[in-house]
Amino acid sequence: MLHFARRFRTNQTDAERRLWSRLRRRQLAGFKFRREHPVGIYVCDFICVEARVVVELDGSQHLDQARHDRHRDAALRAGGFRTLRFWNDDVLFRTDNVVETIYEALHRQEMDGRFD
C-alpha cells in the first residue's frame, strides 16, 4: 500500500495540487493534513488523522465507480473517519468554498468531542 501512496504523491492532479497548497503546513486552523495516506486497504487523497477527517477528490471516473466509493466510505466510517468528497472542478473553480467546508467539518468534529 505504501508503494501506491508514494506513486500517487508524485502524480497529483491539478485539483490535488491546488487543495494541498491550502492544507499543507497546518495552514487550516492548525490541523495537520497528510496526502495520499494509507488507511487499511485504501489510500486517502488527504487526511487529518487527529480530527478523523478524510478528503477525497473525484474526477469524472468516479461517476462509474459510485458503488466502490460508497463501500470505501462505509469502511472508513467504520474506522471512525468522516469522508468529505469534492469534484475536481469544485476544487479548481471554488477553492475557497471547498476549504470552508473542510474547515467547518474539522470544527464540527472538535465540537462533537471526537478528538482532544
PDB file of N, CA and C in Angstrom:
ATOM      1  N   MET A   1       0.818  -1.187   0.000  1.00  0.00           N
ATOM      2  CA  MET A   1       0.000   0.000   0.000  1.00  0.00           C
ATOM      3  C   MET A   1       0.868   1.259   0.000  1.00  0.00           C
ATOM      4  N   LEU A   2       1.987   1.244   0.706  1.00  0.00           N
ATOM      5  CA  LEU A   2       2.869   2.399   0.730  1.00  0.00           C
ATOM      6  C   LEU A   2       3.414   2.722  -0.651  1.00  0.00           C
ATOM      7  N   HIS A   3       3.665   1.676  -1.449  1.00  0.00           N
ATOM      8  CA  HIS A   3       4.159   1.881  -2.811  1.00  0.00           C
ATOM      9  C   HIS A   3       3.156   2.701  -3.619  1.00  0.00           C
ATOM     10  N   PHE A   4       1.868   2.351  -3.511  1.00  0.00           N
ATOM     11  CA  PHE A   4       0.832   3.088  -4.230  1.00  0.00           C
ATOM     12  C   PHE A   4       0.757   4.529  -3.728  1.00  0.00           C
ATOM     13  N   ALA A   5       0.805   4.708  -2.421  1.00  0.00           N
ATOM     14  CA  ALA A   5       0.710   6.046  -1.844  1.00  0.00           C
ATOM     15  C   ALA A   5       1.850   6.928  -2.346  1.00  0.00           C
ATOM     16  N   ARG A   6       3.047   6.403  -2.372  1.00  0.00           N
ATOM     17  CA  ARG A   6       4.183   7.183  -2.862  1.00  0.00           C
ATOM     18  C   ARG A   6       4.011   7.546  -4.324  1.00  0.00           C
ATOM     19  N   ARG A   7       3.544   6.604  -5.121  1.00  0.00           N
ATOM     20  CA  ARG A   7       3.339   6.866  -6.544  1.00  0.00           C
ATOM     21  C   ARG A   7       2.266   7.934  -6.743  1.00  0.00           C
ATOM     22  N   PHE A   8       1.176   7.861  -5.977  1.00  0.00           N
ATOM     23  CA  PHE A   8       0.118   8.856  -6.089  1.00  0.00           C
ATOM     24  C   PHE A   8       0.622  10.251  -5.709  1.00  0.00           C
ATOM     25  N   ARG A   9       1.523  10.321  -4.718  1.00  0.00           N
ATOM     26  CA  ARG A   9       2.038  11.622  -4.291  1.00  0.00           C
ATOM     27  C   ARG A   9       2.814  12.311  -5.404  1.00  0.00           C
ATOM     28  N   THR A  10       3.467  11.541  -6.242  1.00  0.00           N
ATOM     29  CA  THR A  10       4.259  12.141  -7.317  1.00  0.00           C
ATOM     30  C   THR A  10       3.439  12.409  -8.571  1.00  0.00           C
ATOM     31  N   ASN A  11       2.217  11.894  -8.639  1.00  0.00           N
ATOM     32  CA  ASN A  11       1.370  12.074  -9.822  1.00  0.00           C
ATOM     33  C   ASN A  11       0.060  12.767  -9.454  1.00  0.00           C
ATOM     34  N   GLN A  12       0.152  13.887  -8.769  1.00  0.00           N
ATOM     35  CA  GLN A  12      -1.059  14.587  -8.336  1.00  0.00           C
ATOM     36  C   GLN A  12      -1.759  15.271  -9.507  1.00  0.00           C
ATOM     37  N   THR A  13      -3.066  15.366  -9.385  1.00  0.00           N
ATOM     38  CA  THR A  13      -3.859  16.118 -10.357  1.00  0.00           C
ATOM     39  C   THR A  13      -3.735  17.610 -10.031  1.00  0.00           C
ATOM     40  N   ASP A  14      -4.191  18.457 -10.948  1.00  0.00           N
ATOM     41  CA  ASP A  14      -4.189  19.897 -10.694  1.00  0.00           C
ATOM     42  C   ASP A  14      -5.028  20.232  -9.470  1.00  0.00           C
ATOM     43  N   ALA A  15      -6.179  19.579  -9.344  1.00  0.00           N
ATOM     44  CA  ALA A  15      -7.051  19.826  -8.193  1.00  0.00           C
ATOM     45  C   ALA A  15      -6.360  19.421  -6.896  1.00  0.00           C
ATOM     46  N   GLU A  16      -5.680  18.281  -6.887  1.00  0.00           N
ATOM     47  CA  GLU A  16      -4.974  17.846  -5.680  1.00  0.00           C
ATOM     48  C   GLU A  16      -3.865  18.825  -5.318  1.00  0.00           C
ATOM     49  N   ARG A  17      -3.126  19.299  -6.309  1.00  0.00           N
ATOM     50  CA  ARG A  17      -2.073  20.278  -6.042  1.00  0.00           C
ATOM     51  C   ARG A  17      -2.650  21.558  -5.451  1.00  0.00           C
ATOM     52  N   ARG A  18      -3.763  22.014  -6.019  1.00  0.00           N
ATOM     53  CA  ARG A  18      -4.378  23.254  -5.535  1.00  0.00           C
ATOM     54  C   ARG A  18      -4.834  23.103  -4.088  1.00  0.00           C
ATOM     55  N   LEU A  19      -5.536  22.005  -3.777  1.00  0.00           N
ATOM     56  CA  LEU A  19      -6.023  21.830  -2.411  1.00  0.00           C
ATOM     57  C   LEU A  19      -4.868  21.614  -1.443  1.00  0.00           C
ATOM     58  N   TRP A  20      -3.866  20.857  -1.844  1.00  0.00           N
ATOM     59  CA  TRP A  20      -2.724  20.611  -0.966  1.00  0.00           C
ATOM     60  C   TRP A  20      -2.033  21.929  -0.605  1.00  0.00           C
ATOM     61  N   SER A  21      -1.997  22.871  -1.533  1.00  0.00           N
ATOM     62  CA  SER A  21      -1.365  24.159  -1.240  1.00  0.00           C
ATOM     63  C   SER A  21      -2.102  24.908  -0.137  1.00  0.00           C
ATOM     64  N   ARG A  22      -3.365  24.570   0.098  1.00  0.00           N
ATOM     65  CA  ARG A  22      -4.158  25.214   1.147  1.00  0.00           C
ATOM     66  C   ARG A  22      -4.207  24.410   2.451  1.00  0.00           C
ATOM     67  N   LEU A  23      -3.880  23.120   2.389  1.00  0.00           N
ATOM     68  CA  LEU A  23      -3.964  22.263   3.579  1.00  0.00           C
ATOM     69  C   LEU A  23      -2.614  22.025   4.240  1.00  0.00           C
ATOM     70  N   ARG A  24      -1.566  22.080   3.472  1.00  0.00           N
ATOM     71  CA  ARG A  24      -0.251  21.698   3.999  1.00  0.00           C
ATOM     72  C   ARG A  24       0.250  22.679   5.048  1.00  0.00           C
ATOM     73  N   ARG A  25       1.209  22.215   5.812  1.00  0.00           N
ATOM     74  CA  ARG A  25       1.879  23.025   6.845  1.00  0.00           C
ATOM     75  C   ARG A  25       0.919  23.651   7.854  1.00  0.00           C
ATOM     76  N   ARG A  26      -0.110  22.883   8.204  1.00  0.00           N
ATOM     77  CA  ARG A  26      -1.067  23.311   9.238  1.00  0.00           C
ATOM     78  C   ARG A  26      -1.700  24.668   8.952  1.00  0.00           C
ATOM     79  N   GLN A  27      -1.883  24.985   7.671  1.00  0.00           N
ATOM     80  CA  GLN A  27      -2.461  26.278   7.298  1.00  0.00           C
ATOM     81  C   GLN A  27      -3.931  26.405   7.657  1.00  0.00           C
ATOM     82  N   LEU A  28      -4.618  25.302   7.747  1.00  0.00           N
ATOM     83  CA  LEU A  28      -6.057  25.343   8.014  1.00  0.00           C
ATOM     84  C   LEU A  28      -6.299  25.149   9.510  1.00  0.00           C
ATOM     85  N   ALA A  29      -6.359  26.263  10.229  1.00  0.00           N
ATOM     86  CA  ALA A  29      -6.668  26.280  11.669  1.00  0.00           C
ATOM     87  C   ALA A  29      -5.729  25.412  12.496  1.00  0.00           C
ATOM     88  N   GLY A  30      -4.516  25.193  12.004  1.00  0.00           N
ATOM     89  CA  GLY A  30      -3.526  24.430  12.751  1.00  0.00           C
ATOM     90  C   GLY A  30      -3.657  22.920  12.646  1.00  0.00           C
ATOM     91  N   PHE A  31      -4.582  22.426  11.818  1.00  0.00           N
ATOM     92  CA  PHE A  31      -4.766  20.983  11.658  1.00  0.00           C
ATOM     93  C   PHE A  31      -3.732  20.431  10.688  1.00  0.00           C
ATOM     94  N   LYS A  32      -3.172  19.290  11.052  1.00  0.00           N
ATOM     95  CA  LYS A  32      -2.168  18.641  10.205  1.00  0.00           C
ATOM     96  C   LYS A  32      -2.853  17.683   9.229  1.00  0.00           C
ATOM     97  N   PHE A  33      -2.584  17.893   7.957  1.00  0.00           N
ATOM     98  CA  PHE A  33      -3.077  17.002   6.914  1.00  0.00           C
ATOM     99  C   PHE A  33      -1.924  16.236   6.302  1.00  0.00           C
ATOM    100  N   ARG A  34      -2.229  15.038   5.865  1.00  0.00           N
ATOM    101  CA  ARG A  34      -1.299  14.212   5.098  1.00  0.00           C
ATOM    102  C   ARG A  34      -1.947  13.961   3.749  1.00  0.00           C
ATOM    103  N   ARG A  35      -1.139  13.761   2.728  1.00  0.00           N
ATOM    104  CA  ARG A  35      -1.709  13.472   1.410  1.00  0.00           C
ATOM    105  C   ARG A  35      -1.333  12.076   0.975  1.00  0.00           C
ATOM    106  N   GLU A  36      -2.248  11.464   0.238  1.00  0.00           N
ATOM    107  CA  GLU A  36      -2.059  10.097  -0.258  1.00  0.00           C
ATOM    108  C   GLU A  36      -1.584   9.191   0.873  1.00  0.00           C
ATOM    109  N   HIS A  37      -2.397   9.145   1.898  1.00  0.00           N
ATOM    110  CA  HIS A  37      -2.056   8.417   3.122  1.00  0.00           C
ATOM    111  C   HIS A  37      -2.850   7.119   3.209  1.00  0.00           C
ATOM    112  N   PRO A  38      -2.148   5.992   3.414  1.00  0.00           N
ATOM    113  CA  PRO A  38      -2.870   4.709   3.516  1.00  0.00           C
ATOM    114  C   PRO A  38      -3.636   4.566   4.828  1.00  0.00           C
ATOM    115  N   VAL A  39      -4.868   4.061   4.693  1.00  0.00           N
ATOM    116  CA  VAL A  39      -5.704   3.687   5.845  1.00  0.00           C
ATOM    117  C   VAL A  39      -6.281   2.326   5.487  1.00  0.00           C
ATOM    118  N   GLY A  40      -5.807   1.306   6.147  1.00  0.00           N
ATOM    119  CA  GLY A  40      -6.242  -0.045   5.803  1.00  0.00           C
ATOM    120  C   GLY A  40      -5.857  -0.367   4.370  1.00  0.00           C
ATOM    121  N   ILE A  41      -6.831  -0.815   3.588  1.00  0.00           N
ATOM    122  CA  ILE A  41      -6.545  -1.181   2.196  1.00  0.00           C
ATOM    123  C   ILE A  41      -6.734  -0.003   1.242  1.00  0.00           C
ATOM    124  N   TYR A  42      -7.029   1.182   1.763  1.00  0.00           N
ATOM    125  CA  TYR A  42      -7.298   2.354   0.941  1.00  0.00           C
ATOM    126  C   TYR A  42      -6.196   3.392   1.066  1.00  0.00           C
ATOM    127  N   VAL A  43      -6.040   4.191   0.024  1.00  0.00           N
ATOM    128  CA  VAL A  43      -5.148   5.347   0.071  1.00  0.00           C
ATOM    129  C   VAL A  43      -6.036   6.574  -0.036  1.00  0.00           C
ATOM    130  N   CYS A  44      -6.005   7.408   0.998  1.00  0.00           N
ATOM    131  CA  CYS A  44      -6.851   8.596   1.051  1.00  0.00           C
ATOM    132  C   CYS A  44      -6.127   9.771   0.405  1.00  0.00           C
ATOM    133  N   ASP A  45      -6.851  10.559  -0.374  1.00  0.00           N
ATOM    134  CA  ASP A  45      -6.243  11.727  -1.006  1.00  0.00           C
ATOM    135  C   ASP A  45      -5.635  12.643   0.052  1.00  0.00           C
ATOM    136  N   PHE A  46      -6.434  13.022   1.038  1.00  0.00           N
ATOM    137  CA  PHE A  46      -5.975  13.869   2.147  1.00  0.00           C
ATOM    138  C   PHE A  46      -6.634  13.368   3.423  1.00  0.00           C
ATOM    139  N   ILE A  47      -5.891  13.471   4.513  1.00  0.00           N
ATOM    140  CA  ILE A  47      -6.444  13.007   5.784  1.00  0.00           C
ATOM    141  C   ILE A  47      -5.899  13.859   6.920  1.00  0.00           C
ATOM    142  N   CYS A  48      -6.785  14.182   7.845  1.00  0.00           N
ATOM    143  CA  CYS A  48      -6.396  14.781   9.114  1.00  0.00           C
ATOM    144  C   CYS A  48      -6.669  13.700  10.149  1.00  0.00           C
ATOM    145  N   VAL A  49      -5.619  13.036  10.583  1.00  0.00           N
ATOM    146  CA  VAL A  49      -5.769  11.898  11.486  1.00  0.00           C
ATOM    147  C   VAL A  49      -6.355  12.331  12.822  1.00  0.00           C
ATOM    148  N   GLU A  50      -5.885  13.450  13.364  1.00  0.00           N
ATOM    149  CA  GLU A  50      -6.362  13.873  14.683  1.00  0.00           C
ATOM    150  C   GLU A  50      -7.858  14.178  14.676  1.00  0.00           C
ATOM    151  N   ALA A  51      -8.381  14.714  13.577  1.00  0.00           N
ATOM    152  CA  ALA A  51      -9.807  15.034  13.501  1.00  0.00           C
ATOM    153  C   ALA A  51     -10.610  13.895  12.885  1.00  0.00           C
ATOM    154  N   ARG A  52      -9.915  12.859  12.385  1.00  0.00           N
ATOM    155  CA  ARG A  52     -10.577  11.701  11.771  1.00  0.00           C
ATOM    156  C   ARG A  52     -11.400  12.138  10.554  1.00  0.00           C
ATOM    157  N   VAL A  53     -10.829  13.060   9.750  1.00  0.00           N
ATOM    158  CA  VAL A  53     -11.489  13.561   8.552  1.00  0.00           C
ATOM    159  C   VAL A  53     -10.666  13.196   7.329  1.00  0.00           C
ATOM    160  N   VAL A  54     -11.326  12.585   6.355  1.00  0.00           N
ATOM    161  CA  VAL A  54     -10.720  12.216   5.079  1.00  0.00           C
ATOM    162  C   VAL A  54     -11.332  13.109   4.004  1.00  0.00           C
ATOM    163  N   VAL A  55     -10.489  13.626   3.113  1.00  0.00           N
ATOM    164  CA  VAL A  55     -10.957  14.443   1.996  1.00  0.00           C
ATOM    165  C   VAL A  55     -10.594  13.718   0.711  1.00  0.00           C
ATOM    166  N   GLU A  56     -11.611  13.432  -0.097  1.00  0.00           N
ATOM    167  CA  GLU A  56     -11.422  12.750  -1.373  1.00  0.00           C
ATOM    168  C   GLU A  56     -11.815  13.677  -2.513  1.00  0.00           C
ATOM    169  N   LEU A  57     -10.998  13.716  -3.550  1.00  0.00           N
ATOM    170  CA  LEU A  57     -11.302  14.496  -4.741  1.00  0.00           C
ATOM    171  C   LEU A  57     -11.667  13.532  -5.851  1.00  0.00           C
ATOM    172  N   ASP A  58     -12.766  13.827  -6.511  1.00  0.00           N
ATOM    173  CA  ASP A  58     -13.288  12.930  -7.534  1.00  0.00           C
ATOM    174  C   ASP A  58     -13.305  13.602  -8.895  1.00  0.00           C
ATOM    175  N   GLY A  59     -12.810  12.865  -9.878  1.00  0.00           N
ATOM    176  CA  GLY A  59     -12.913  13.287 -11.266  1.00  0.00           C
ATOM    177  C   GLY A  59     -14.044  12.522 -11.924  1.00  0.00           C
ATOM    178  N   SER A  60     -14.153  12.657 -13.218  1.00  0.00           N
ATOM    179  CA  SER A  60     -15.265  12.036 -13.941  1.00  0.00           C
ATOM    180  C   SER A  60     -15.274  10.509 -13.834  1.00  0.00           C
ATOM    181  N   GLN A  61     -14.120   9.890 -13.583  1.00  0.00           N
ATOM    182  CA  GLN A  61     -14.075   8.429 -13.460  1.00  0.00           C
ATOM    183  C   GLN A  61     -14.907   7.929 -12.290  1.00  0.00           C
ATOM    184  N   HIS A  62     -15.178   8.798 -11.330  1.00  0.00           N
ATOM    185  CA  HIS A  62     -15.947   8.381 -10.155  1.00  0.00           C
ATOM    186  C   HIS A  62     -17.439   8.231 -10.452  1.00  0.00           C
ATOM    187  N   LEU A  63     -17.878   8.748 -11.586  1.00  0.00           N
ATOM    188  CA  LEU A  63     -19.272   8.533 -11.981  1.00  0.00           C
ATOM    189  C   LEU A  63     -19.541   7.048 -12.184  1.00  0.00           C
ATOM    190  N   ASP A  64     -18.527   6.323 -12.654  1.00  0.00           N
ATOM    191  CA  ASP A  64     -18.666   4.891 -12.925  1.00  0.00           C
ATOM    192  C   ASP A  64     -18.340   4.019 -11.724  1.00  0.00           C
ATOM    193  N   GLN A  65     -17.832   4.594 -10.653  1.00  0.00           N
ATOM    194  CA  GLN A  65     -17.453   3.775  -9.509  1.00  0.00           C
ATOM    195  C   GLN A  65     -18.116   4.246  -8.214  1.00  0.00           C
ATOM    196  N   ALA A  66     -19.324   4.739  -8.336  1.00  0.00           N
ATOM    197  CA  ALA A  66     -20.053   5.219  -7.159  1.00  0.00           C
ATOM    198  C   ALA A  66     -20.233   4.121  -6.119  1.00  0.00           C
ATOM    199  N   ARG A  67     -20.497   2.912  -6.567  1.00  0.00           N
ATOM    200  CA  ARG A  67     -20.690   1.796  -5.630  1.00  0.00           C
ATOM    201  C   ARG A  67     -19.411   1.539  -4.832  1.00  0.00           C
ATOM    202  N   HIS A  68     -18.287   1.535  -5.526  1.00  0.00           N
ATOM    203  CA  HIS A  68     -16.993   1.344  -4.860  1.00  0.00           C
ATOM    204  C   HIS A  68     -16.747   2.459  -3.847  1.00  0.00           C
ATOM    205  N   ASP A  69     -17.048   3.704  -4.228  1.00  0.00           N
ATOM    206  CA  ASP A  69     -16.846   4.837  -3.321  1.00  0.00           C
ATOM    207  C   ASP A  69     -17.722   4.719  -2.079  1.00  0.00           C
ATOM    208  N   ARG A  70     -18.971   4.269  -2.248  1.00  0.00           N
ATOM    209  CA  ARG A  70     -19.857   4.087  -1.082  1.00  0.00           C
ATOM    210  C   ARG A  70     -19.293   3.026  -0.139  1.00  0.00           C
ATOM    211  N   HIS A  71     -18.784   1.944  -0.703  1.00  0.00           N
ATOM    212  CA  HIS A  71     -18.202   0.871   0.100  1.00  0.00           C
ATOM    213  C   HIS A  71     -16.972   1.388   0.851  1.00  0.00           C
ATOM    214  N   ARG A  72     -16.131   2.106   0.145  1.00  0.00           N
ATOM    215  CA  ARG A  72     -14.924   2.680   0.739  1.00  0.00           C
ATOM    216  C   ARG A  72     -15.286   3.647   1.869  1.00  0.00           C
ATOM    217  N   ASP A  73     -16.256   4.533   1.611  1.00  0.00           N
ATOM    218  CA  ASP A  73     -16.675   5.491   2.636  1.00  0.00           C
ATOM    219  C   ASP A  73     -17.223   4.773   3.863  1.00  0.00           C
ATOM    220  N   ALA A  74     -17.981   3.699   3.640  1.00  0.00           N
ATOM    221  CA  ALA A  74     -18.525   2.926   4.765  1.00  0.00           C
ATOM    222  C   ALA A  74     -17.406   2.278   5.572  1.00  0.00           C
ATOM    223  N   ALA A  75     -16.398   1.762   4.886  1.00  0.00           N
ATOM    224  CA  ALA A  75     -15.268   1.142   5.587  1.00  0.00           C
ATOM    225  C   ALA A  75     -14.505   2.189   6.404  1.00  0.00           C
ATOM    226  N   LEU A  76     -14.291   3.363   5.829  1.00  0.00           N
ATOM    227  CA  LEU A  76     -13.609   4.428   6.570  1.00  0.00           C
ATOM    228  C   LEU A  76     -14.456   4.898   7.756  1.00  0.00           C
ATOM    229  N   ARG A  77     -15.773   5.003   7.545  1.00  0.00           N
ATOM    230  CA  ARG A  77     -16.678   5.391   8.633  1.00  0.00           C
ATOM    231  C   ARG A  77     -16.621   4.373   9.769  1.00  0.00           C
ATOM    232  N   ALA A  78     -16.564   3.092   9.421  1.00  0.00           N
ATOM    233  CA  ALA A  78     -16.463   2.042  10.441  1.00  0.00           C
ATOM    234  C   ALA A  78     -15.161   2.172  11.230  1.00  0.00           C
ATOM    235  N   GLY A  79     -14.147   2.756  10.596  1.00  0.00           N
ATOM    236  CA  GLY A  79     -12.876   3.004  11.274  1.00  0.00           C
ATOM    237  C   GLY A  79     -12.848   4.325  12.019  1.00  0.00           C
ATOM    238  N   GLY A  80     -13.981   5.012  12.052  1.00  0.00           N
ATOM    239  CA  GLY A  80     -14.078   6.256  12.810  1.00  0.00           C
ATOM    240  C   GLY A  80     -13.771   7.512  12.023  1.00  0.00           C
ATOM    241  N   PHE A  81     -13.683   7.411  10.688  1.00  0.00           N
ATOM    242  CA  PHE A  81     -13.369   8.562   9.853  1.00  0.00           C
ATOM    243  C   PHE A  81     -14.624   9.109   9.182  1.00  0.00           C
ATOM    244  N   ARG A  82     -14.645  10.397   9.003  1.00  0.00           N
ATOM    245  CA  ARG A  82     -15.696  11.058   8.219  1.00  0.00           C
ATOM    246  C   ARG A  82     -15.076  11.411   6.870  1.00  0.00           C
ATOM    247  N   THR A  83     -15.767  11.079   5.793  1.00  0.00           N
ATOM    248  CA  THR A  83     -15.258  11.344   4.450  1.00  0.00           C
ATOM    249  C   THR A  83     -16.000  12.511   3.821  1.00  0.00           C
ATOM    250  N   LEU A  84     -15.229  13.464   3.327  1.00  0.00           N
ATOM    251  CA  LEU A  84     -15.767  14.579   2.553  1.00  0.00           C
ATOM    252  C   LEU A  84     -15.338  14.370   1.111  1.00  0.00           C
ATOM    253  N   ARG A  85     -16.278  14.461   0.183  1.00  0.00           N
ATOM    254  CA  ARG A  85     -15.977  14.274  -1.244  1.00  0.00           C
ATOM    255  C   ARG A  85     -16.267  15.554  -2.010  1.00  0.00           C
ATOM    256  N   PHE A  86     -15.335  15.904  -2.888  1.00  0.00           N
ATOM    257  CA  PHE A  86     -15.483  17.080  -3.727  1.00  0.00           C
ATOM    258  C   PHE A  86     -15.108  16.717  -5.154  1.00  0.00           C
ATOM    259  N   TRP A  87     -15.805  17.323  -6.109  1.00  0.00           N
ATOM    260  CA  TRP A  87     -15.434  17.169  -7.506  1.00  0.00           C
ATOM    261  C   TRP A  87     -14.194  18.013  -7.777  1.00  0.00           C
ATOM    262  N   ASN A  88     -13.341  17.535  -8.660  1.00  0.00           N
ATOM    263  CA  ASN A  88     -12.144  18.282  -9.033  1.00  0.00           C
ATOM    264  C   ASN A  88     -12.498  19.704  -9.465  1.00  0.00           C
ATOM    265  N   ASP A  89     -13.554  19.854 -10.256  1.00  0.00           N
ATOM    266  CA  ASP A  89     -13.946  21.187 -10.723  1.00  0.00           C
ATOM    267  C   ASP A  89     -14.288  22.119  -9.569  1.00  0.00           C
ATOM    268  N   ASP A  90     -14.889  21.584  -8.514  1.00  0.00           N
ATOM    269  CA  ASP A  90     -15.177  22.423  -7.348  1.00  0.00           C
ATOM    270  C   ASP A  90     -13.892  22.938  -6.723  1.00  0.00           C
ATOM    271  N   VAL A  91     -12.900  22.080  -6.627  1.00  0.00           N
ATOM    272  CA  VAL A  91     -11.621  22.489  -6.052  1.00  0.00           C
ATOM    273  C   VAL A  91     -10.950  23.532  -6.945  1.00  0.00           C
ATOM    274  N   LEU A  92     -11.000  23.317  -8.249  1.00  0.00           N
ATOM    275  CA  LEU A  92     -10.326  24.218  -9.175  1.00  0.00           C
ATOM    276  C   LEU A  92     -11.021  25.576  -9.297  1.00  0.00           C
ATOM    277  N   PHE A  93     -12.346  25.595  -9.250  1.00  0.00           N
ATOM    278  CA  PHE A  93     -13.072  26.826  -9.515  1.00  0.00           C
ATOM    279  C   PHE A  93     -13.746  27.448  -8.305  1.00  0.00           C
ATOM    280  N   ARG A  94     -13.850  26.697  -7.217  1.00  0.00           N
ATOM    281  CA  ARG A  94     -14.468  27.200  -5.994  1.00  0.00           C
ATOM    282  C   ARG A  94     -13.640  26.766  -4.782  1.00  0.00           C
ATOM    283  N   THR A  95     -12.349  27.007  -4.879  1.00  0.00           N
ATOM    284  CA  THR A  95     -11.406  26.541  -3.851  1.00  0.00           C
ATOM    285  C   THR A  95     -11.783  27.038  -2.466  1.00  0.00           C
ATOM    286  N   ASP A  96     -12.099  28.315  -2.360  1.00  0.00           N
ATOM    287  CA  ASP A  96     -12.426  28.871  -1.040  1.00  0.00           C
ATOM    288  C   ASP A  96     -13.642  28.187  -0.419  1.00  0.00           C
ATOM    289  N   ASN A  97     -14.637  27.857  -1.230  1.00  0.00           N
ATOM    290  CA  ASN A  97     -15.826  27.156  -0.713  1.00  0.00           C
ATOM    291  C   ASN A  97     -15.464  25.769  -0.196  1.00  0.00           C
ATOM    292  N   VAL A  98     -14.613  25.065  -0.930  1.00  0.00           N
ATOM    293  CA  VAL A  98     -14.178  23.729  -0.521  1.00  0.00           C
ATOM    294  C   VAL A  98     -13.412  23.812   0.796  1.00  0.00           C
ATOM    295  N   VAL A  99     -12.484  24.751   0.877  1.00  0.00           N
ATOM    296  CA  VAL A  99     -11.682  24.901   2.101  1.00  0.00           C
ATOM    297  C   VAL A  99     -12.583  25.265   3.274  1.00  0.00           C
ATOM    298  N   GLU A 100     -13.564  26.110   3.064  1.00  0.00           N
ATOM    299  CA  GLU A 100     -14.503  26.480   4.125  1.00  0.00           C
ATOM    300  C   GLU A 100     -15.299  25.269   4.604  1.00  0.00           C
ATOM    301  N   THR A 101     -15.725  24.422   3.689  1.00  0.00           N
ATOM    302  CA  THR A 101     -16.461  23.207   4.055  1.00  0.00           C
ATOM    303  C   THR A 101     -15.582  22.277   4.891  1.00  0.00           C
ATOM    304  N   ILE A 102     -14.326  22.144   4.505  1.00  0.00           N
ATOM    305  CA  ILE A 102     -13.386  21.310   5.270  1.00  0.00           C
ATOM    306  C   ILE A 102     -13.186  21.909   6.659  1.00  0.00           C
ATOM    307  N   TYR A 103     -12.986  23.207   6.715  1.00  0.00           N
ATOM    308  CA  TYR A 103     -12.811  23.910   7.985  1.00  0.00           C
ATOM    309  C   TYR A 103     -13.998  23.655   8.924  1.00  0.00           C
ATOM    310  N   GLU A 104     -15.211  23.787   8.377  1.00  0.00           N
ATOM    311  CA  GLU A 104     -16.409  23.560   9.187  1.00  0.00           C
ATOM    312  C   GLU A 104     -16.480  22.118   9.680  1.00  0.00           C
ATOM    313  N   ALA A 105     -16.100  21.169   8.836  1.00  0.00           N
ATOM    314  CA  ALA A 105     -16.121  19.756   9.246  1.00  0.00           C
ATOM    315  C   ALA A 105     -15.110  19.500  10.354  1.00  0.00           C
ATOM    316  N   LEU A 106     -13.941  20.102  10.272  1.00  0.00           N
ATOM    317  CA  LEU A 106     -12.923  19.935  11.313  1.00  0.00           C
ATOM    318  C   LEU A 106     -13.438  20.470  12.645  1.00  0.00           C
ATOM    319  N   HIS A 107     -14.065  21.614  12.604  1.00  0.00           N
ATOM    320  CA  HIS A 107     -14.572  22.204  13.845  1.00  0.00           C
ATOM    321  C   HIS A 107     -15.808  21.494  14.361  1.00  0.00           C
ATOM    322  N   ARG A 108     -16.591  20.937  13.466  1.00  0.00           N
ATOM    323  CA  ARG A 108     -17.746  20.140  13.896  1.00  0.00           C
ATOM    324  C   ARG A 108     -17.251  18.913  14.661  1.00  0.00           C
ATOM    325  N   GLN A 109     -16.214  18.281  14.138  1.00  0.00           N
ATOM    326  CA  GLN A 109     -15.644  17.116  14.823  1.00  0.00           C
ATOM    327  C   GLN A 109     -15.129  17.537  16.202  1.00  0.00           C
ATOM    328  N   GLU A 110     -14.473  18.683  16.254  1.00  0.00           N
ATOM    329  CA  GLU A 110     -13.924  19.188  17.513  1.00  0.00           C
ATOM    330  C   GLU A 110     -15.041  19.471  18.514  1.00  0.00           C
ATOM    331  N   MET A 111     -16.117  20.083  18.038  1.00  0.00           N
ATOM    332  CA  MET A 111     -17.235  20.423  18.928  1.00  0.00           C
ATOM    333  C   MET A 111     -17.983  19.175  19.399  1.00  0.00           C
ATOM    334  N   ASP A 112     -17.978  18.149  18.565  1.00  0.00           N
ATOM    335  CA  ASP A 112     -18.628  16.895  18.954  1.00  0.00           C
ATOM    336  C   ASP A 112     -17.771  16.102  19.937  1.00  0.00           C
ATOM    337  N   GLY A 113     -16.571  16.601  20.230  1.00  0.00           N
ATOM    338  CA  GLY A 113     -15.703  15.930  21.184  1.00  0.00           C
ATOM    339  C   GLY A 113     -15.088  14.651  20.663  1.00  0.00           C
ATOM    340  N   ARG A 114     -14.906  14.578  19.376  1.00  0.00           N
ATOM    341  CA  ARG A 114     -14.374  13.338  18.798  1.00  0.00           C
ATOM    342  C   ARG A 114     -12.860  13.269  18.868  1.00  0.00           C
ATOM    343  N   PHE A 115     -12.221  14.359  19.222  1.00  0.00           N
ATOM    344  CA  PHE A 115     -10.782  14.317  19.451  1.00  0.00           C
ATOM    345  C   PHE A 115     -10.423  15.400  20.453  1.00  0.00           C
ATOM    346  N   ASP A 116      -9.247  15.257  21.045  1.00  0.00           N
ATOM    347  CA  ASP A 116      -8.798  16.220  22.078  1.00  0.00           C
ATOM    348  C   ASP A 116      -7.956  17.291  21.447  1.00  0.00           C
TER     349      ASP A 116
END
